[in-house]
Amino acid sequence: MTGTTSRRQEGPGGLWDSVKKAAFIIGSGILFLAAFGNSLTWHLQRFWGASGDFWQDLWTQIHVAFQGHESALFYIGTMLVPSLAFWGTNGLLLIVDTTGKPSFITRYRIQQDKNNPVDPAKLRQALKSVLFNYTVVSGPMVVAAHYLMTWRGEPCGPELPTFHRGLAELAFFAFLEEVLFYYSHRLFHHPSLYKHFHKQHHEWTAPIGVVSIYAHPLEHMLSNTLPVAVGPVILGSHLATTSLWYCLALVSTTISHCGYHLPFLPSPEFHDFHHLRFNQCFGVFGILDRLHATDSKFRETKQYERHTLLTSLTPLNESIPDPPKKGQ
């Protein structure tokens, strides 16, 4: 039995095999960044020119205006600004979801026969849960993050982080989210947890943007919010970086759930397939899915062929159509 277990762990797709692959990829990434990082960021900074001075001057004015009220400034940056990004994006999507118009957007729908338009009663139920999670669960976690970050340092300090530091922190946040979300998400797919917690999120086999945080409160806390919030706390990040990261994370998860593969936006095919099939594509970027072979079925589908940046106005379900059904 021990020998069988050992061979299973050391074989392709096993735990040890995945660890070796992860070490190789991460190590290669570190070498690449060391070799090209300074050159790349130097060119980006040169492209932006004097914009750094503009942003610093703007932040100085804001910092002076809120002097003595840093907590209020923190909550504006971590609650109000991300809320505008999330609800602004989803407000536009909900117009399309509820009316089925305009047609030049609905033609990019991934699951063509679903949500055309969305069921109003089902949407109202989802919105109640979404609002609860957004205010009652995420809100207190942001308050806790404020206390921890203030204890560590000065998140609303007078100096903005350098371009290099901000870029490095965002890369760290994304890596940490991929790891924490992948494993917590897979944990909630365990049969003993799925039926009590994660099943709620999978009521939407064809997701829409706003249901990105339609989940059981415990799942929303551990699998949705924590992987995003913990990075800035660990690094003691500046409010500017934290606010930008929260906005990126909320808009990213909205796109992943929106149900439309729109031109020049990141592909949502990966996570849409997860809602369709349940047991594939657990991560954010797909790195750990490839390492653990939890995207093997996805890579055999037309959805995988469409999982790319759309750079034309022709929907991918037209340029890469499904194979004809038997009898057609």
Protein backbone atom coordinates (compact mmCIF):
# COMPACT_ATOMS: atom_id res chain seq x y z
CA MET A 1 0.00 0.00 0.00
CA THR A 2 2.82 2.39 0.88
CA GLY A 3 4.58 1.68 -2.42
CA THR A 4 1.35 2.32 -4.34
CA THR A 5 0.82 5.61 -2.55
CA SER A 6 4.40 6.66 -3.24
CA ARG A 7 4.12 5.87 -6.95
CA ARG A 8 0.80 7.74 -7.13
CA GLN A 9 2.36 10.84 -5.59
CA GLU A 10 5.47 10.70 -7.76
CA GLY A 11 3.69 9.97 -11.06
CA PRO A 12 2.48 12.55 -13.59
CA GLY A 13 -0.17 14.77 -12.04
CA GLY A 14 0.70 13.58 -8.54
CA LEU A 15 1.52 15.82 -5.62
CA TRP A 16 5.33 15.57 -5.89
CA ASP A 17 5.19 16.04 -9.65
CA SER A 18 3.11 19.21 -9.17
CA VAL A 19 5.51 20.54 -6.54
CA LYS A 20 8.47 20.05 -8.89
CA LYS A 21 6.64 21.78 -11.71
CA ALA A 22 5.67 24.67 -9.44
CA ALA A 23 9.27 25.07 -8.25
CA PHE A 24 10.50 25.10 -11.85
CA ILE A 25 7.94 27.67 -12.99
CA ILE A 26 8.37 29.96 -9.98
CA GLY A 27 12.16 29.68 -10.15
CA SER A 28 12.14 30.48 -13.86
CA GLY A 29 9.87 33.45 -13.21
CA ILE A 30 12.24 34.83 -10.57
CA LEU A 31 15.22 34.51 -12.95
CA PHE A 32 13.23 36.21 -15.71
CA LEU A 33 12.25 39.09 -13.46
CA ALA A 34 15.82 39.47 -12.24
CA ALA A 35 17.10 39.60 -15.82
CA PHE A 36 14.47 41.82 -17.42
CA GLY A 37 12.56 43.48 -14.57
CA ASN A 38 14.63 46.63 -14.28
CA SER A 39 14.72 47.18 -18.04
CA LEU A 40 10.98 46.62 -18.44
CA THR A 41 9.91 48.91 -15.64
CA TRP A 42 12.39 51.58 -16.75
CA HIS A 43 10.80 51.67 -20.21
CA LEU A 44 7.29 51.78 -18.70
CA GLN A 45 8.26 54.65 -16.45
CA ARG A 46 9.82 56.49 -19.36
CA PHE A 47 6.62 55.99 -21.37
CA TRP A 48 4.54 57.57 -18.63
CA GLY A 49 7.03 60.43 -18.38
CA ALA A 50 6.26 62.92 -15.65
CA SER A 51 2.94 61.35 -14.68
CA GLY A 52 4.50 60.18 -11.43
CA ASP A 53 4.82 63.81 -10.32
CA PHE A 54 1.19 64.42 -11.26
CA TRP A 55 -0.07 61.52 -9.15
CA GLN A 56 2.15 62.44 -6.20
CA ASP A 57 0.95 66.05 -6.30
CA LEU A 58 -2.65 64.88 -6.44
CA TRP A 59 -2.13 62.49 -3.55
CA THR A 60 -0.44 65.24 -1.51
CA GLN A 61 -3.52 67.43 -1.91
CA ILE A 62 -5.80 64.58 -0.83
CA HIS A 63 -3.53 63.68 2.10
CA VAL A 64 -3.47 67.28 3.35
CA ALA A 65 -7.26 67.58 2.99
CA PHE A 66 -7.79 64.44 5.11
CA GLN A 67 -5.06 65.17 7.66
CA GLY A 68 -6.31 63.94 11.02
CA HIS A 69 -8.96 61.83 9.28
CA GLU A 70 -6.79 59.06 7.84
CA SER A 71 -9.35 56.38 8.75
CA ALA A 72 -12.00 58.07 6.62
CA LEU A 73 -9.52 58.30 3.75
CA PHE A 74 -8.69 54.60 4.10
CA TYR A 75 -12.35 53.58 3.94
CA ILE A 76 -12.97 55.81 0.92
CA GLY A 77 -10.09 54.09 -0.87
CA THR A 78 -10.95 50.53 0.17
CA MET A 79 -14.75 50.66 0.28
CA LEU A 80 -16.16 53.53 -1.78
CA VAL A 81 -13.79 53.42 -4.77
CA PRO A 82 -13.93 49.59 -5.20
CA SER A 83 -17.73 49.73 -4.76
CA LEU A 84 -17.98 52.21 -7.64
CA ALA A 85 -15.83 49.90 -9.78
CA PHE A 86 -17.86 46.78 -8.88
CA TRP A 87 -21.37 48.18 -9.04
CA GLY A 88 -20.62 50.44 -12.00
CA THR A 89 -19.40 47.46 -14.04
CA ASN A 90 -22.23 45.20 -12.90
CA GLY A 91 -24.84 47.90 -13.39
CA LEU A 92 -23.98 48.03 -17.09
CA LEU A 93 -23.97 44.23 -17.34
CA LEU A 94 -27.31 43.94 -15.54
CA ILE A 95 -28.95 46.16 -18.15
CA VAL A 96 -27.92 43.63 -20.80
CA ASP A 97 -28.76 40.62 -18.61
CA THR A 98 -32.28 41.79 -17.76
CA THR A 99 -33.29 43.21 -21.15
CA GLY A 100 -31.39 40.96 -23.55
CA LYS A 101 -30.30 44.12 -25.34
CA PRO A 102 -28.31 45.55 -27.05
CA SER A 103 -27.83 42.64 -29.42
CA PHE A 104 -24.28 43.64 -30.36
CA ILE A 105 -23.30 42.60 -26.81
CA THR A 106 -25.56 39.57 -26.37
CA ARG A 107 -24.06 37.99 -29.49
CA TYR A 108 -20.91 37.48 -27.39
CA ARG A 109 -22.77 35.38 -24.81
CA ILE A 110 -20.81 32.19 -24.05
CA GLN A 111 -23.78 29.93 -23.25
CA GLN A 112 -26.11 31.13 -25.99
CA ASP A 113 -29.25 29.43 -24.69
CA LYS A 114 -29.00 30.76 -21.11
CA ASN A 115 -29.99 34.05 -19.39
CA ASN A 116 -31.71 35.47 -22.45
CA PRO A 117 -32.89 37.41 -20.50
CA VAL A 118 -32.09 36.38 -16.92
CA ASP A 119 -34.88 35.08 -14.65
CA PRO A 120 -36.02 38.13 -12.56
CA ALA A 121 -36.97 36.06 -9.49
CA LYS A 122 -33.66 34.22 -9.49
CA LEU A 123 -31.80 37.51 -9.90
CA ARG A 124 -33.62 39.14 -6.97
CA GLN A 125 -32.72 36.21 -4.72
CA ALA A 126 -29.09 36.43 -5.78
CA LEU A 127 -28.91 40.20 -5.25
CA LYS A 128 -30.08 39.84 -1.63
CA SER A 129 -27.21 37.46 -0.90
CA VAL A 130 -24.74 39.61 -2.84
CA LEU A 131 -25.68 42.75 -0.89
CA PHE A 132 -25.44 40.85 2.41
CA ASN A 133 -21.99 39.50 1.56
CA TYR A 134 -20.77 42.86 0.31
CA THR A 135 -21.82 44.80 3.39
CA VAL A 136 -22.03 42.38 6.34
CA VAL A 137 -19.10 40.10 5.42
CA SER A 138 -16.66 42.14 3.31
CA GLY A 139 -17.21 45.37 5.25
CA PRO A 140 -15.99 44.13 8.65
CA MET A 141 -13.05 42.36 6.98
CA VAL A 142 -11.92 45.68 5.48
CA VAL A 143 -12.24 47.26 8.94
CA ALA A 144 -10.05 44.47 10.35
CA ALA A 145 -7.54 45.04 7.53
CA HIS A 146 -7.43 48.74 8.45
CA TYR A 147 -6.57 48.02 12.07
CA LEU A 148 -3.89 45.50 11.10
CA MET A 149 -2.32 47.76 8.48
CA THR A 150 -2.38 50.78 10.80
CA TRP A 151 -0.76 48.68 13.52
CA ARG A 152 1.97 47.69 11.06
CA GLY A 153 2.64 51.14 9.65
CA GLU A 154 1.03 54.09 7.89
CA PRO A 155 -1.19 52.93 5.00
CA CYS A 156 -2.20 56.51 4.17
CA GLY A 157 1.34 57.90 4.27
CA PRO A 158 2.29 61.12 2.43
CA GLU A 159 4.52 59.38 -0.14
CA LEU A 160 3.11 57.18 -2.88
CA PRO A 161 4.95 53.90 -3.49
CA THR A 162 7.43 53.86 -6.35
CA PHE A 163 6.38 52.40 -9.69
CA HIS A 164 8.66 49.39 -9.12
CA ARG A 165 7.25 48.67 -5.67
CA GLY A 166 3.63 49.05 -6.77
CA LEU A 167 4.16 46.69 -9.69
CA ALA A 168 5.94 44.13 -7.51
CA GLU A 169 3.21 44.28 -4.87
CA LEU A 170 0.44 43.76 -7.43
CA ALA A 171 2.32 40.72 -8.78
CA PHE A 172 2.61 39.33 -5.25
CA PHE A 173 -1.10 39.94 -4.57
CA ALA A 174 -2.05 38.10 -7.77
CA PHE A 175 0.20 35.13 -6.96
CA LEU A 176 -1.14 34.92 -3.40
CA GLU A 177 -4.74 35.11 -4.60
CA GLU A 178 -4.13 32.29 -7.08
CA VAL A 179 -2.75 30.02 -4.34
CA LEU A 180 -5.30 30.84 -1.64
CA PHE A 181 -8.31 30.86 -3.92
CA TYR A 182 -7.39 27.64 -5.72
CA TYR A 183 -6.96 25.55 -2.57
CA SER A 184 -9.86 27.09 -0.62
CA HIS A 185 -12.09 26.70 -3.67
CA ARG A 186 -11.15 23.05 -4.07
CA LEU A 187 -11.76 22.55 -0.36
CA PHE A 188 -15.30 23.88 -0.71
CA HIS A 189 -15.82 21.38 -3.53
CA HIS A 190 -15.23 18.51 -1.10
CA PRO A 191 -18.55 16.60 -0.86
CA SER A 192 -18.88 17.18 2.88
CA LEU A 193 -18.60 20.96 2.39
CA TYR A 194 -20.07 21.42 -1.08
CA LYS A 195 -23.67 20.59 -0.22
CA HIS A 196 -23.67 22.93 2.81
CA PHE A 197 -21.73 25.88 1.40
CA HIS A 198 -20.50 25.98 -2.20
CA LYS A 199 -23.62 24.53 -3.82
CA GLN A 200 -25.27 27.94 -3.49
CA HIS A 201 -22.75 29.56 -5.83
CA HIS A 202 -23.20 26.77 -8.40
CA GLU A 203 -26.94 27.34 -8.67
CA TRP A 204 -25.84 29.51 -11.58
CA THR A 205 -24.51 27.07 -14.18
CA ALA A 206 -24.45 30.02 -16.58
CA PRO A 207 -23.13 32.85 -14.36
CA ILE A 208 -23.62 36.59 -14.70
CA GLY A 209 -21.27 39.26 -13.36
CA VAL A 210 -23.04 40.12 -10.12
CA VAL A 211 -23.14 36.48 -8.91
CA SER A 212 -19.35 36.57 -8.57
CA ILE A 213 -20.01 37.11 -4.85
CA TYR A 214 -23.25 35.15 -4.66
CA ALA A 215 -22.11 32.58 -2.11
CA HIS A 216 -22.59 31.30 1.41
CA PRO A 217 -21.19 33.93 3.84
CA LEU A 218 -18.52 31.54 5.15
CA GLU A 219 -17.32 30.80 1.63
CA HIS A 220 -17.38 34.49 0.74
CA MET A 221 -15.21 35.27 3.74
CA LEU A 222 -12.65 32.47 3.33
CA SER A 223 -12.52 31.95 -0.43
CA ASN A 224 -13.57 35.26 -2.00
CA THR A 225 -12.48 38.05 0.33
CA LEU A 226 -9.54 36.64 2.31
CA PRO A 227 -7.34 35.76 -0.72
CA VAL A 228 -7.72 39.35 -1.93
CA ALA A 229 -7.45 41.18 1.40
CA VAL A 230 -4.51 39.33 2.95
CA GLY A 231 -1.82 40.48 0.49
CA PRO A 232 -1.86 44.21 1.37
CA VAL A 233 -1.93 43.30 5.08
CA ILE A 234 1.16 41.10 4.75
CA LEU A 235 3.14 43.76 2.87
CA GLY A 236 1.77 46.74 4.78
CA SER A 237 0.85 48.33 1.46
CA HIS A 238 0.01 51.94 0.77
CA LEU A 239 -3.67 52.83 0.35
CA ALA A 240 -3.13 53.68 -3.32
CA THR A 241 -1.86 50.17 -4.12
CA THR A 242 -4.50 48.52 -1.92
CA SER A 243 -7.36 50.46 -3.51
CA LEU A 244 -6.11 49.69 -7.03
CA TRP A 245 -5.79 45.99 -6.16
CA TYR A 246 -9.30 45.79 -4.70
CA CYS A 247 -10.72 47.42 -7.85
CA LEU A 248 -8.77 45.08 -10.14
CA ALA A 249 -9.87 42.01 -8.16
CA LEU A 250 -13.56 42.99 -8.18
CA VAL A 251 -13.63 43.87 -11.87
CA SER A 252 -11.64 40.72 -12.71
CA THR A 253 -14.05 38.40 -10.90
CA THR A 254 -16.97 40.22 -12.54
CA ILE A 255 -15.50 39.59 -15.99
CA SER A 256 -14.83 35.94 -15.10
CA HIS A 257 -18.52 35.48 -14.23
CA CYS A 258 -20.12 37.86 -16.73
CA GLY A 259 -21.04 35.20 -19.31
CA TYR A 260 -19.87 37.32 -22.26
CA HIS A 261 -16.57 36.88 -24.11
CA LEU A 262 -16.23 40.51 -25.17
CA PRO A 263 -13.54 41.94 -27.46
CA PHE A 264 -10.32 43.18 -25.84
CA LEU A 265 -11.28 41.98 -22.35
CA PRO A 266 -9.79 38.99 -20.47
CA SER A 267 -11.35 35.68 -21.45
CA PRO A 268 -14.04 34.37 -19.05
CA GLU A 269 -14.17 30.96 -20.78
CA PHE A 270 -12.08 29.31 -18.04
CA HIS A 271 -14.36 30.09 -15.10
CA ASP A 272 -17.53 29.84 -17.16
CA PHE A 273 -16.54 26.24 -17.90
CA HIS A 274 -16.11 25.67 -14.15
CA HIS A 275 -19.74 26.68 -13.58
CA LEU A 276 -20.82 24.45 -16.43
CA ARG A 277 -18.90 21.31 -15.37
CA PHE A 278 -18.22 21.89 -11.60
CA ASN A 279 -15.06 19.75 -11.31
CA GLN A 280 -12.66 21.63 -13.61
CA CYS A 281 -10.85 24.99 -13.58
CA PHE A 282 -10.71 25.91 -9.88
CA GLY A 283 -8.16 28.72 -9.97
CA VAL A 284 -7.97 32.32 -11.15
CA PHE A 285 -5.21 32.22 -13.75
CA GLY A 286 -5.11 28.47 -14.37
CA ILE A 287 -1.53 27.98 -13.16
CA LEU A 288 -2.36 25.57 -10.35
CA ASP A 289 -5.03 23.89 -12.45
CA ARG A 290 -2.35 23.00 -14.98
CA LEU A 291 0.00 21.80 -12.22
CA HIS A 292 -2.68 19.62 -10.62
CA ALA A 293 -4.27 18.54 -13.93
CA THR A 294 -7.65 19.98 -12.92
CA ASP A 295 -8.05 21.52 -16.37
CA SER A 296 -7.48 18.33 -18.37
CA LYS A 297 -11.09 18.03 -19.61
CA PHE A 298 -11.27 21.76 -20.28
CA ARG A 299 -8.23 21.53 -22.57
CA GLU A 300 -10.09 19.02 -24.74
CA THR A 301 -12.99 21.36 -25.47
CA LYS A 302 -13.90 24.16 -27.87
CA GLN A 303 -14.10 26.44 -24.84
CA TYR A 304 -10.36 25.97 -24.38
CA GLU A 305 -9.73 26.94 -28.00
CA ARG A 306 -11.77 30.08 -27.37
CA HIS A 307 -9.94 30.87 -24.13
CA THR A 308 -7.93 33.72 -25.60
CA LEU A 309 -8.06 37.50 -25.94
CA LEU A 310 -10.64 38.35 -28.59
CA THR A 311 -9.06 40.98 -30.86
CA SER A 312 -11.77 41.13 -33.52
CA LEU A 313 -15.49 41.91 -33.52
CA THR A 314 -16.47 38.38 -34.59
CA PRO A 315 -17.71 36.31 -31.60
CA LEU A 316 -15.53 33.29 -30.94
CA ASN A 317 -18.52 30.95 -30.95
CA GLU A 318 -18.84 31.90 -34.63
CA SER A 319 -15.17 31.75 -35.60
CA ILE A 320 -14.64 28.59 -33.49
CA PRO A 321 -18.07 26.92 -33.62
CA ASP A 322 -19.13 23.88 -31.65
CA PRO A 323 -18.99 20.61 -33.57
CA PRO A 324 -22.34 19.66 -35.12
CA LYS A 325 -24.56 17.52 -32.92
CA LYS A 326 -25.32 13.94 -33.93
CA GLY A 327 -28.09 13.76 -36.49
CA GLN A 328 -27.43 17.25 -37.85
